[in-house]
């Protein structure tokens, strides 16, 4: 059983829906998404299937646009403007770059959200950001190939379609939206805390994959309580060892569910 199937077994997710579209009870378009692939020369093209992956190598390497990549590209555009104003860049070239970036900006505001973009620009270290290149694509493909070989070597049952969808959504976009009948709301699975979700999902409770790993073993009622605490106060699910108030506890605090709990009647994923 793959890691993703194990996670789904313990969370009892019955259906993974569209990773970008509104989460619904329909299982149609489970791979559909609003994706913009962008190269560092600001050439871009739209796609609607997360199975393209995070990076695509054509004549140059294209990467899916997210808030961090946008922050990096905006920084590079600012540098281009400074070179243009100092006479170090031809007006024709700057005009072409500006046209390309404006299209990228419009897409980002529509699909990522202005608030998320502003927040990320304030926190992203653009000088240390690693842009897409032939080297990053090679490393990305090697990671994918290694994972496939690992699964093959494990033998047993192949990865389920549900697990495949969840893995694609998290790998390609960094998040997946799950409709839970236990919590009676949509909750967000995120790859890690650095993932920025679109503005329309910003008010939903998020669980990182590390948090979900800690959430195995609790009752549905405990899941509701954890969800409510995160909704009202924010915060993060931690084990006893990371909890400054948990010294009296003898084991990690269970914060979620067994396979009949967390998302036992999930009906959709964004």
C-alpha atoms as a PDB file:
ATOM      1  CA  UNK A   1       0.000   0.000   0.000  1.00  0.00           C
ATOM      2  CA  UNK A   2       1.403   3.413  -0.959  1.00  0.00           C
ATOM      3  CA  UNK A   3       1.888   6.260   1.495  1.00  0.00           C
ATOM      4  CA  UNK A   4      -1.075   8.084  -0.017  1.00  0.00           C
ATOM      5  CA  UNK A   5      -3.361   5.060   0.210  1.00  0.00           C
ATOM      6  CA  UNK A   6      -2.379   4.670   3.851  1.00  0.00           C
ATOM      7  CA  UNK A   7      -3.282   8.281   4.508  1.00  0.00           C
ATOM      8  CA  UNK A   8      -6.596   7.884   2.709  1.00  0.00           C
ATOM      9  CA  UNK A   9      -7.345   4.693   4.601  1.00  0.00           C
ATOM     10  CA  UNK A  10      -6.872   6.414   7.938  1.00  0.00           C
ATOM     11  CA  UNK A  11      -8.864   9.467   6.884  1.00  0.00           C
ATOM     12  CA  UNK A  12     -11.516   7.532   4.944  1.00  0.00           C
ATOM     13  CA  UNK A  13     -11.637   9.943   2.045  1.00  0.00           C
ATOM     14  CA  UNK A  14     -14.128   8.398  -0.325  1.00  0.00           C
ATOM     15  CA  UNK A  15     -13.753  10.809  -3.192  1.00  0.00           C
ATOM     16  CA  UNK A  16     -11.157  13.232  -4.477  1.00  0.00           C
ATOM     17  CA  UNK A  17     -12.744  15.943  -6.579  1.00  0.00           C
ATOM     18  CA  UNK A  18     -11.413  18.680  -8.826  1.00  0.00           C
ATOM     19  CA  UNK A  19      -8.259  20.201  -7.352  1.00  0.00           C
ATOM     20  CA  UNK A  20      -8.977  23.736  -8.493  1.00  0.00           C
ATOM     21  CA  UNK A  21     -12.664  23.988  -9.214  1.00  0.00           C
ATOM     22  CA  UNK A  22     -15.350  24.333  -6.546  1.00  0.00           C
ATOM     23  CA  UNK A  23     -15.514  21.157  -4.468  1.00  0.00           C
ATOM     24  CA  UNK A  24     -18.698  19.320  -5.353  1.00  0.00           C
ATOM     25  CA  UNK A  25     -20.188  15.874  -5.035  1.00  0.00           C
ATOM     26  CA  UNK A  26     -19.400  15.172  -8.666  1.00  0.00           C
ATOM     27  CA  UNK A  27     -16.337  13.110  -9.528  1.00  0.00           C
ATOM     28  CA  UNK A  28     -16.080  14.712 -12.966  1.00  0.00           C
ATOM     29  CA  UNK A  29     -13.006  16.683 -13.975  1.00  0.00           C
ATOM     30  CA  UNK A  30     -10.942  15.365 -11.080  1.00  0.00           C
ATOM     31  CA  UNK A  31      -7.769  16.429 -12.812  1.00  0.00           C
ATOM     32  CA  UNK A  32      -9.076  19.794 -14.000  1.00  0.00           C
ATOM     33  CA  UNK A  33      -7.301  22.904 -12.803  1.00  0.00           C
ATOM     34  CA  UNK A  34      -6.531  26.473 -13.703  1.00  0.00           C
ATOM     35  CA  UNK A  35      -2.798  26.368 -14.395  1.00  0.00           C
ATOM     36  CA  UNK A  36      -0.408  28.876 -15.882  1.00  0.00           C
ATOM     37  CA  UNK A  37       3.037  27.619 -16.883  1.00  0.00           C
ATOM     38  CA  UNK A  38       5.647  30.376 -16.969  1.00  0.00           C
ATOM     39  CA  UNK A  39       9.279  30.452 -18.062  1.00  0.00           C
ATOM     40  CA  UNK A  40      11.845  32.895 -16.732  1.00  0.00           C
ATOM     41  CA  UNK A  41      11.669  34.829 -20.005  1.00  0.00           C
ATOM     42  CA  UNK A  42       7.999  35.443 -19.075  1.00  0.00           C
ATOM     43  CA  UNK A  43       6.649  33.299 -21.882  1.00  0.00           C
ATOM     44  CA  UNK A  44       3.556  31.543 -20.563  1.00  0.00           C
ATOM     45  CA  UNK A  45       0.754  29.208 -21.537  1.00  0.00           C
ATOM     46  CA  UNK A  46      -2.366  27.948 -19.807  1.00  0.00           C
ATOM     47  CA  UNK A  47      -3.212  24.339 -19.029  1.00  0.00           C
ATOM     48  CA  UNK A  48      -6.099  22.642 -17.262  1.00  0.00           C
ATOM     49  CA  UNK A  49      -4.761  19.240 -16.202  1.00  0.00           C
ATOM     50  CA  UNK A  50      -2.627  18.729 -13.087  1.00  0.00           C
ATOM     51  CA  UNK A  51      -1.043  15.649 -14.658  1.00  0.00           C
ATOM     52  CA  UNK A  52       1.280  18.000 -16.532  1.00  0.00           C
ATOM     53  CA  UNK A  53       3.176  18.144 -13.256  1.00  0.00           C
ATOM     54  CA  UNK A  54       4.988  20.985 -11.542  1.00  0.00           C
ATOM     55  CA  UNK A  55       7.489  21.653 -14.314  1.00  0.00           C
ATOM     56  CA  UNK A  56       7.446  21.062 -18.063  1.00  0.00           C
ATOM     57  CA  UNK A  57      10.518  21.073 -20.292  1.00  0.00           C
ATOM     58  CA  UNK A  58       9.994  22.380 -23.824  1.00  0.00           C
ATOM     59  CA  UNK A  59      12.528  24.675 -25.454  1.00  0.00           C
ATOM     60  CA  UNK A  60      12.962  26.103 -21.952  1.00  0.00           C
ATOM     61  CA  UNK A  61      11.689  25.003 -18.554  1.00  0.00           C
ATOM     62  CA  UNK A  62       8.220  26.160 -17.534  1.00  0.00           C
ATOM     63  CA  UNK A  63       6.936  26.044 -13.954  1.00  0.00           C
ATOM     64  CA  UNK A  64       3.415  26.269 -12.616  1.00  0.00           C
ATOM     65  CA  UNK A  65       2.801  29.778 -11.356  1.00  0.00           C
ATOM     66  CA  UNK A  66       2.248  30.045  -7.628  1.00  0.00           C
ATOM     67  CA  UNK A  67       2.562  32.997  -5.265  1.00  0.00           C
ATOM     68  CA  UNK A  68       6.271  32.464  -4.560  1.00  0.00           C
ATOM     69  CA  UNK A  69       7.162  32.175  -8.244  1.00  0.00           C
ATOM     70  CA  UNK A  70       5.098  35.291  -8.927  1.00  0.00           C
ATOM     71  CA  UNK A  71       7.071  37.186  -6.268  1.00  0.00           C
ATOM     72  CA  UNK A  72      10.321  36.134  -7.929  1.00  0.00           C
ATOM     73  CA  UNK A  73       9.118  37.150 -11.400  1.00  0.00           C
ATOM     74  CA  UNK A  74       7.866  40.496 -10.138  1.00  0.00           C
ATOM     75  CA  UNK A  75      11.280  41.134  -8.596  1.00  0.00           C
ATOM     76  CA  UNK A  76      12.969  40.337 -11.920  1.00  0.00           C
ATOM     77  CA  UNK A  77      10.534  42.646 -13.704  1.00  0.00           C
ATOM     78  CA  UNK A  78      11.425  45.451 -11.308  1.00  0.00           C
ATOM     79  CA  UNK A  79      15.080  44.901 -12.139  1.00  0.00           C
ATOM     80  CA  UNK A  80      14.256  44.999 -15.852  1.00  0.00           C
ATOM     81  CA  UNK A  81      12.451  48.309 -15.371  1.00  0.00           C
ATOM     82  CA  UNK A  82      15.513  49.763 -13.622  1.00  0.00           C
ATOM     83  CA  UNK A  83      17.764  48.646 -16.492  1.00  0.00           C
ATOM     84  CA  UNK A  84      15.351  50.124 -18.998  1.00  0.00           C
ATOM     85  CA  UNK A  85      15.231  53.468 -17.170  1.00  0.00           C
ATOM     86  CA  UNK A  86      19.030  53.576 -16.977  1.00  0.00           C
ATOM     87  CA  UNK A  87      19.304  52.960 -20.709  1.00  0.00           C
ATOM     88  CA  UNK A  88      20.719  49.438 -20.332  1.00  0.00           C
ATOM     89  CA  UNK A  89      17.741  47.696 -21.937  1.00  0.00           C
ATOM     90  CA  UNK A  90      16.243  48.419 -25.323  1.00  0.00           C
ATOM     91  CA  UNK A  91      12.738  49.903 -25.177  1.00  0.00           C
ATOM     92  CA  UNK A  92      11.382  47.204 -27.506  1.00  0.00           C
ATOM     93  CA  UNK A  93      12.595  44.411 -25.231  1.00  0.00           C
ATOM     94  CA  UNK A  94      11.236  46.072 -22.107  1.00  0.00           C
ATOM     95  CA  UNK A  95       7.873  46.636 -23.783  1.00  0.00           C
ATOM     96  CA  UNK A  96       7.668  42.938 -24.695  1.00  0.00           C
ATOM     97  CA  UNK A  97       8.572  41.858 -21.155  1.00  0.00           C
ATOM     98  CA  UNK A  98       6.030  44.270 -19.692  1.00  0.00           C
ATOM     99  CA  UNK A  99       3.292  42.914 -21.935  1.00  0.00           C
ATOM    100  CA  UNK A 100       4.112  39.355 -20.960  1.00  0.00           C
ATOM    101  CA  UNK A 101       4.280  40.156 -17.252  1.00  0.00           C
ATOM    102  CA  UNK A 102       0.993  42.073 -17.288  1.00  0.00           C
ATOM    103  CA  UNK A 103      -0.733  38.964 -18.625  1.00  0.00           C
ATOM    104  CA  UNK A 104       0.888  36.879 -15.873  1.00  0.00           C
ATOM    105  CA  UNK A 105      -0.115  39.443 -13.255  1.00  0.00           C
ATOM    106  CA  UNK A 106      -3.751  39.461 -14.379  1.00  0.00           C
ATOM    107  CA  UNK A 107      -3.887  35.661 -14.233  1.00  0.00           C
ATOM    108  CA  UNK A 108      -2.288  35.592 -10.774  1.00  0.00           C
ATOM    109  CA  UNK A 109      -4.711  38.136  -9.327  1.00  0.00           C
ATOM    110  CA  UNK A 110      -7.672  36.191 -10.705  1.00  0.00           C
ATOM    111  CA  UNK A 111      -6.588  32.681  -9.742  1.00  0.00           C
ATOM    112  CA  UNK A 112      -4.294  33.139  -6.736  1.00  0.00           C
ATOM    113  CA  UNK A 113      -5.698  36.310  -5.250  1.00  0.00           C
ATOM    114  CA  UNK A 114      -4.233  39.746  -4.582  1.00  0.00           C
ATOM    115  CA  UNK A 115      -4.087  39.230  -0.809  1.00  0.00           C
ATOM    116  CA  UNK A 116      -2.157  35.977  -1.113  1.00  0.00           C
ATOM    117  CA  UNK A 117       0.239  37.567  -3.598  1.00  0.00           C
ATOM    118  CA  UNK A 118       0.918  40.547  -1.335  1.00  0.00           C
ATOM    119  CA  UNK A 119       1.496  38.319   1.687  1.00  0.00           C
ATOM    120  CA  UNK A 120       3.900  36.113  -0.210  1.00  0.00           C
ATOM    121  CA  UNK A 121       5.846  39.038  -1.654  1.00  0.00           C
ATOM    122  CA  UNK A 122       6.444  40.222   1.890  1.00  0.00           C
ATOM    123  CA  UNK A 123       7.807  36.877   3.061  1.00  0.00           C
ATOM    124  CA  UNK A 124       9.567  35.399   0.010  1.00  0.00           C
ATOM    125  CA  UNK A 125      13.342  35.757  -0.197  1.00  0.00           C
ATOM    126  CA  UNK A 126      13.523  36.353  -3.933  1.00  0.00           C
ATOM    127  CA  UNK A 127      17.322  36.343  -3.869  1.00  0.00           C
ATOM    128  CA  UNK A 128      17.420  32.725  -2.703  1.00  0.00           C
ATOM    129  CA  UNK A 129      14.467  31.538  -4.794  1.00  0.00           C
ATOM    130  CA  UNK A 130      15.498  28.854  -7.279  1.00  0.00           C
ATOM    131  CA  UNK A 131      13.818  29.514 -10.656  1.00  0.00           C
ATOM    132  CA  UNK A 132      12.940  26.773 -13.157  1.00  0.00           C
ATOM    133  CA  UNK A 133      15.767  25.497 -15.324  1.00  0.00           C
ATOM    134  CA  UNK A 134      16.952  22.349 -17.026  1.00  0.00           C
ATOM    135  CA  UNK A 135      18.636  21.393 -13.743  1.00  0.00           C
ATOM    136  CA  UNK A 136      15.491  21.807 -11.626  1.00  0.00           C
ATOM    137  CA  UNK A 137      13.441  19.868 -14.171  1.00  0.00           C
ATOM    138  CA  UNK A 138      15.974  17.017 -14.129  1.00  0.00           C
ATOM    139  CA  UNK A 139      15.841  16.910 -10.338  1.00  0.00           C
ATOM    140  CA  UNK A 140      12.037  17.027 -10.388  1.00  0.00           C
ATOM    141  CA  UNK A 141      11.780  14.150 -12.865  1.00  0.00           C
ATOM    142  CA  UNK A 142      14.291  12.094 -10.869  1.00  0.00           C
ATOM    143  CA  UNK A 143      12.154  12.534  -7.756  1.00  0.00           C
ATOM    144  CA  UNK A 144       9.091  11.333  -9.652  1.00  0.00           C
ATOM    145  CA  UNK A 145      10.944   8.376 -11.169  1.00  0.00           C
ATOM    146  CA  UNK A 146      12.422   7.368  -7.804  1.00  0.00           C
ATOM    147  CA  UNK A 147       8.978   7.400  -6.230  1.00  0.00           C
ATOM    148  CA  UNK A 148       7.590   5.234  -9.027  1.00  0.00           C
ATOM    149  CA  UNK A 149      10.422   2.739  -8.619  1.00  0.00           C
ATOM    150  CA  UNK A 150       9.888   2.689  -4.864  1.00  0.00           C
ATOM    151  CA  UNK A 151       6.238   1.826  -5.317  1.00  0.00           C
ATOM    152  CA  UNK A 152       7.051  -0.847  -7.867  1.00  0.00           C
ATOM    153  CA  UNK A 153       9.589  -2.427  -5.539  1.00  0.00           C
ATOM    154  CA  UNK A 154       7.043  -2.525  -2.724  1.00  0.00           C
ATOM    155  CA  UNK A 155       4.770  -4.791  -4.748  1.00  0.00           C
ATOM    156  CA  UNK A 156       1.281  -5.488  -3.521  1.00  0.00           C
ATOM    157  CA  UNK A 157      -1.764  -3.561  -4.632  1.00  0.00           C
ATOM    158  CA  UNK A 158      -1.251  -0.689  -7.046  1.00  0.00           C
ATOM    159  CA  UNK A 159      -1.920   2.834  -5.896  1.00  0.00           C
ATOM    160  CA  UNK A 160      -5.637   3.575  -5.870  1.00  0.00           C
ATOM    161  CA  UNK A 161      -7.192   6.167  -8.126  1.00  0.00           C
ATOM    162  CA  UNK A 162      -8.124   8.242  -5.079  1.00  0.00           C
ATOM    163  CA  UNK A 163      -4.547   8.252  -3.842  1.00  0.00           C
ATOM    164  CA  UNK A 164      -3.329   9.081  -7.339  1.00  0.00           C
ATOM    165  CA  UNK A 165      -5.587  12.111  -7.495  1.00  0.00           C
ATOM    166  CA  UNK A 166      -4.575  13.347  -4.054  1.00  0.00           C
ATOM    167  CA  UNK A 167      -0.887  12.933  -4.823  1.00  0.00           C
ATOM    168  CA  UNK A 168      -1.253  14.835  -8.086  1.00  0.00           C
ATOM    169  CA  UNK A 169      -3.140  17.692  -6.443  1.00  0.00           C
ATOM    170  CA  UNK A 170      -0.591  18.083  -3.645  1.00  0.00           C
ATOM    171  CA  UNK A 171       2.415  17.719  -5.925  1.00  0.00           C
ATOM    172  CA  UNK A 172       1.129  20.029  -8.638  1.00  0.00           C
ATOM    173  CA  UNK A 173      -0.651  22.712  -6.619  1.00  0.00           C
ATOM    174  CA  UNK A 174       0.433  22.053  -3.047  1.00  0.00           C
ATOM    175  CA  UNK A 175      -3.118  21.747  -1.741  1.00  0.00           C
ATOM    176  CA  UNK A 176      -6.351  19.825  -2.083  1.00  0.00           C
ATOM    177  CA  UNK A 177      -9.803  20.803  -0.802  1.00  0.00           C
ATOM    178  CA  UNK A 178     -11.884  18.066   0.814  1.00  0.00           C
ATOM    179  CA  UNK A 179     -15.581  18.298   1.623  1.00  0.00           C
ATOM    180  CA  UNK A 180     -16.226  16.558   4.927  1.00  0.00           C
ATOM    181  CA  UNK A 181     -19.672  15.511   6.135  1.00  0.00           C
ATOM    182  CA  UNK A 182     -18.246  15.021   9.645  1.00  0.00           C
ATOM    183  CA  UNK A 183     -17.014  18.593   9.908  1.00  0.00           C
ATOM    184  CA  UNK A 184     -19.753  19.728   7.509  1.00  0.00           C
ATOM    185  CA  UNK A 185     -17.419  22.061   5.714  1.00  0.00           C
ATOM    186  CA  UNK A 186     -14.542  22.133   3.251  1.00  0.00           C
ATOM    187  CA  UNK A 187     -11.081  21.693   4.742  1.00  0.00           C
ATOM    188  CA  UNK A 188      -7.739  22.093   3.036  1.00  0.00           C
ATOM    189  CA  UNK A 189      -4.901  19.570   2.867  1.00  0.00           C
ATOM    190  CA  UNK A 190      -1.624  21.390   2.209  1.00  0.00           C
ATOM    191  CA  UNK A 191       1.793  19.986   1.472  1.00  0.00           C
ATOM    192  CA  UNK A 192       3.389  22.207   4.128  1.00  0.00           C
ATOM    193  CA  UNK A 193       2.996  25.596   5.789  1.00  0.00           C
ATOM    194  CA  UNK A 194       4.614  27.463   2.907  1.00  0.00           C
ATOM    195  CA  UNK A 195       1.755  26.685   0.509  1.00  0.00           C
ATOM    196  CA  UNK A 196      -0.465  29.656  -0.351  1.00  0.00           C
ATOM    197  CA  UNK A 197      -4.044  28.785  -1.276  1.00  0.00           C
ATOM    198  CA  UNK A 198      -6.277  31.011  -3.452  1.00  0.00           C
ATOM    199  CA  UNK A 199      -8.137  33.799  -1.697  1.00  0.00           C
ATOM    200  CA  UNK A 200     -11.515  32.081  -1.996  1.00  0.00           C
ATOM    201  CA  UNK A 201     -10.235  29.247   0.233  1.00  0.00           C
ATOM    202  CA  UNK A 202      -8.277  31.422   2.672  1.00  0.00           C
ATOM    203  CA  UNK A 203     -10.931  31.222   5.405  1.00  0.00           C
ATOM    204  CA  UNK A 204     -11.003  27.412   5.420  1.00  0.00           C
ATOM    205  CA  UNK A 205      -9.131  25.391   8.028  1.00  0.00           C
ATOM    206  CA  UNK A 206      -5.851  23.941   6.756  1.00  0.00           C
ATOM    207  CA  UNK A 207      -4.074  20.743   7.787  1.00  0.00           C
ATOM    208  CA  UNK A 208      -0.531  20.026   6.679  1.00  0.00           C
ATOM    209  CA  UNK A 209       0.435  16.480   5.820  1.00  0.00           C
ATOM    210  CA  UNK A 210       2.540  16.387   9.009  1.00  0.00           C
ATOM    211  CA  UNK A 211      -0.519  17.361  11.033  1.00  0.00           C
ATOM    212  CA  UNK A 212      -2.612  14.671   9.354  1.00  0.00           C
ATOM    213  CA  UNK A 213       0.028  12.100  10.260  1.00  0.00           C
ATOM    214  CA  UNK A 214      -0.464  13.089  13.923  1.00  0.00           C
ATOM    215  CA  UNK A 215      -4.244  12.963  13.590  1.00  0.00           C
ATOM    216  CA  UNK A 216      -4.570   9.195  13.380  1.00  0.00           C
ATOM    217  CA  UNK A 217      -6.308   7.607  16.340  1.00  0.00           C
ATOM    218  CA  UNK A 218      -8.950  10.080  17.498  1.00  0.00           C
ATOM    219  CA  UNK A 219     -12.713   9.961  17.381  1.00  0.00           C
ATOM    220  CA  UNK A 220     -14.921  11.969  15.010  1.00  0.00           C
ATOM    221  CA  UNK A 221     -15.827  14.212  17.943  1.00  0.00           C
ATOM    222  CA  UNK A 222     -12.155  14.926  18.567  1.00  0.00           C
ATOM    223  CA  UNK A 223     -11.769  15.830  14.909  1.00  0.00           C
ATOM    224  CA  UNK A 224     -14.601  18.348  15.192  1.00  0.00           C
ATOM    225  CA  UNK A 225     -13.013  19.870  18.285  1.00  0.00           C
ATOM    226  CA  UNK A 226      -9.596  20.209  16.647  1.00  0.00           C
ATOM    227  CA  UNK A 227     -11.182  21.730  13.567  1.00  0.00           C
ATOM    228  CA  UNK A 228     -13.092  24.254  15.683  1.00  0.00           C
ATOM    229  CA  UNK A 229      -9.994  25.235  17.677  1.00  0.00           C
ATOM    230  CA  UNK A 230      -8.011  25.805  14.465  1.00  0.00           C
ATOM    231  CA  UNK A 231     -10.907  27.723  12.945  1.00  0.00           C
ATOM    232  CA  UNK A 232     -11.224  30.107  15.909  1.00  0.00           C
ATOM    233  CA  UNK A 233      -7.669  30.387  17.172  1.00  0.00           C
ATOM    234  CA  UNK A 234      -5.491  29.165  14.333  1.00  0.00           C
ATOM    235  CA  UNK A 235      -2.408  27.333  15.539  1.00  0.00           C
ATOM    236  CA  UNK A 236      -0.896  24.013  14.595  1.00  0.00           C
ATOM    237  CA  UNK A 237      -1.374  20.382  15.589  1.00  0.00           C
ATOM    238  CA  UNK A 238       1.712  19.221  17.475  1.00  0.00           C
ATOM    239  CA  UNK A 239       2.857  16.097  19.280  1.00  0.00           C
ATOM    240  CA  UNK A 240       3.424  16.054  23.026  1.00  0.00           C
ATOM    241  CA  UNK A 241       7.144  16.604  22.560  1.00  0.00           C
ATOM    242  CA  UNK A 242       6.491  19.941  20.859  1.00  0.00           C
ATOM    243  CA  UNK A 243       3.767  21.058  23.281  1.00  0.00           C
ATOM    244  CA  UNK A 244       5.079  23.279  26.102  1.00  0.00           C
ATOM    245  CA  UNK A 245       1.965  22.462  28.133  1.00  0.00           C
ATOM    246  CA  UNK A 246       2.061  18.733  27.552  1.00  0.00           C
ATOM    247  CA  UNK A 247       4.689  17.654  30.065  1.00  0.00           C
ATOM    248  CA  UNK A 248       2.204  15.653  32.078  1.00  0.00           C
ATOM    249  CA  UNK A 249       1.058  13.641  29.126  1.00  0.00           C
ATOM    250  CA  UNK A 250       2.505  10.187  28.620  1.00  0.00           C
ATOM    251  CA  UNK A 251       2.008   9.966  24.862  1.00  0.00           C
ATOM    252  CA  UNK A 252       1.452  12.225  21.851  1.00  0.00           C
ATOM    253  CA  UNK A 253      -1.869  13.982  21.965  1.00  0.00           C
ATOM    254  CA  UNK A 254      -4.229  12.366  19.436  1.00  0.00           C
ATOM    255  CA  UNK A 255      -5.722  15.048  17.304  1.00  0.00           C
ATOM    256  CA  UNK A 256      -7.597  13.358  14.569  1.00  0.00           C
ATOM    257  CA  UNK A 257      -9.030  10.201  13.366  1.00  0.00           C
ATOM    258  CA  UNK A 258      -8.847   6.605  12.495  1.00  0.00           C
ATOM    259  CA  UNK A 259     -10.087   5.318   9.183  1.00  0.00           C
ATOM    260  CA  UNK A 260     -13.704   5.903  10.153  1.00  0.00           C
ATOM    261  CA  UNK A 261     -13.199   9.475  11.277  1.00  0.00           C
ATOM    262  CA  UNK A 262     -11.685  12.579   9.804  1.00  0.00           C
ATOM    263  CA  UNK A 263     -13.253  12.654   6.359  1.00  0.00           C
ATOM    264  CA  UNK A 264     -15.378   9.537   6.540  1.00  0.00           C
ATOM    265  CA  UNK A 265     -17.947  10.889   4.146  1.00  0.00           C
ATOM    266  CA  UNK A 266     -15.870  13.207   2.035  1.00  0.00           C
ATOM    267  CA  UNK A 267     -17.738  14.068  -1.109  1.00  0.00           C
ATOM    268  CA  UNK A 268     -15.324  16.253  -2.973  1.00  0.00           C
ATOM    269  CA  UNK A 269     -11.880  17.724  -3.282  1.00  0.00           C
ATOM    270  CA  UNK A 270     -10.668  20.900  -4.810  1.00  0.00           C
END
